[in-house]
Protein backbone atom coordinates (compact mmCIF):
# COMPACT_ATOMS: atom_id res chain seq x y z
CA MET A 1 4.68 -19.20 2.93
CA THR A 2 7.55 -16.69 2.83
CA GLU A 3 6.29 -15.09 6.06
CA VAL A 4 6.24 -18.46 7.85
CA LEU A 5 9.77 -19.23 6.69
CA SER A 6 11.07 -15.83 7.82
CA ASP A 7 9.42 -16.35 11.24
CA HIS A 8 10.98 -19.81 11.42
CA ARG A 9 14.35 -18.39 10.42
CA ARG A 10 14.17 -15.80 13.20
CA LEU A 11 13.32 -18.51 15.75
CA ILE A 12 15.99 -20.91 14.43
CA ASP A 13 18.62 -18.15 14.64
CA LEU A 14 17.64 -17.59 18.29
CA CYS A 15 17.82 -21.33 18.99
CA LEU A 16 21.33 -21.40 17.55
CA ARG A 17 22.38 -18.27 19.48
CA TYR A 18 21.15 -19.66 22.83
CA LEU A 19 22.06 -23.31 22.07
CA VAL A 20 18.45 -24.44 22.36
CA PRO A 21 17.52 -27.74 20.68
CA PHE A 22 14.87 -27.52 17.96
CA PHE A 23 13.16 -29.82 15.48
CA TRP A 24 12.34 -28.37 12.06
CA GLN A 25 10.47 -30.31 9.39
CA GLY A 26 9.64 -27.67 6.80
CA PRO A 27 7.31 -24.66 6.78
CA GLY A 28 4.61 -26.39 8.80
CA LEU A 29 6.65 -27.56 11.77
CA LEU A 30 9.25 -25.93 14.01
CA LEU A 31 9.35 -27.25 17.56
CA ILE A 32 11.60 -25.74 20.22
CA SER A 33 12.68 -27.43 23.44
CA ARG A 34 10.67 -26.11 26.40
CA LYS A 35 13.83 -26.07 28.56
CA GLY A 36 15.50 -23.37 26.45
CA LEU A 37 12.38 -21.45 25.49
CA PRO A 38 12.55 -18.79 28.26
CA ALA A 39 15.71 -17.28 26.76
CA ILE A 40 14.10 -17.14 23.32
CA LEU A 41 10.86 -15.61 24.58
CA ASN A 42 12.85 -13.02 26.54
CA ASP A 43 14.87 -12.07 23.44
CA LEU A 44 11.71 -11.74 21.35
CA ALA A 45 10.07 -9.55 24.00
CA THR A 46 13.18 -7.36 24.21
CA HIS A 47 12.94 -6.75 20.46
CA GLY A 48 9.19 -6.04 20.49
CA VAL A 49 8.14 -9.30 18.82
CA PRO A 50 4.75 -10.39 20.20
CA ILE A 51 4.07 -14.03 21.04
CA LEU A 52 0.65 -14.84 19.60
CA GLY A 53 0.49 -18.45 20.65
CA LEU A 54 2.27 -21.53 21.94
CA ASP A 55 1.36 -25.18 21.39
CA GLY A 56 2.98 -28.05 23.28
CA PHE A 57 3.97 -31.34 21.63
CA GLU A 58 5.65 -34.59 22.59
CA LEU A 59 8.18 -36.23 20.29
CA VAL A 60 8.19 -40.01 20.39
CA GLY A 61 10.82 -41.09 17.91
CA ALA A 62 9.74 -39.50 14.62
CA GLU A 63 6.13 -39.21 15.80
CA VAL A 64 4.83 -35.77 16.81
CA ASN A 65 1.95 -35.86 19.30
CA PRO A 66 0.03 -32.68 20.19
CA ARG A 67 -0.61 -31.93 23.85
CA LEU A 68 -4.09 -30.43 23.83
CA ASP A 69 -3.65 -29.46 27.47
CA LEU A 70 -0.65 -27.25 26.60
CA ILE A 71 -1.98 -24.39 24.50
CA PHE A 72 -1.41 -20.68 25.03
CA ASP A 73 -3.30 -18.06 23.04
CA SER A 74 -2.29 -14.50 23.91
CA GLU A 75 -5.88 -13.34 23.58
CA ARG A 76 -7.75 -16.23 25.19
CA VAL A 77 -5.92 -17.61 28.20
CA PRO A 78 -7.16 -16.07 31.45
CA GLY A 79 -4.70 -16.23 34.33
CA PHE A 80 -1.58 -16.25 32.14
CA PRO A 81 -0.88 -12.72 30.99
CA THR A 82 2.39 -13.68 29.27
CA ALA A 83 3.74 -16.60 27.29
CA GLN A 84 6.71 -16.76 29.67
CA GLU A 85 4.38 -17.35 32.63
CA ALA A 86 2.38 -19.96 30.72
CA ILE A 87 5.37 -22.19 29.96
CA GLU A 88 6.66 -22.05 33.54
CA VAL A 89 4.16 -24.77 34.45
CA TRP A 90 4.72 -26.88 31.32
CA PRO A 91 6.88 -30.04 31.60
CA ASP A 92 10.54 -29.67 30.57
CA GLU A 93 10.38 -32.56 28.08
CA VAL A 94 7.72 -30.81 25.95
CA TRP A 95 8.51 -29.30 22.56
CA VAL A 96 6.79 -26.03 21.68
CA ASP A 97 5.52 -24.51 18.46
CA VAL A 98 5.82 -20.72 18.75
CA THR A 99 3.65 -18.35 16.72
CA ILE A 100 5.03 -14.83 16.57
CA GLY A 101 3.52 -11.62 15.28
CA PRO A 102 5.06 -8.68 13.44
CA VAL A 103 7.53 -6.46 15.29
CA SER A 104 5.68 -3.61 17.00
């Protein structure tokens, strides 16, 4: 659990630095606005932090709905070599759960 919280803290700090809206509801849920995500992904890449996966969600009031058509897995998605390229085709109103790996 400590690892998840430190990953969330890193992502939250980036959201605050780049003024990107986010929705955090404890260790199991941190969603970042798709509109501001490119700046965050760029910062992570600059610091050698790998993006392992991205999952898209819609927020309808307090309800969180997964978008099963918006999933990026760094090892399984042919045609999208980077997370940055994957989200370019995702709708702006989507919220994204970002899974990061250890710094290389």
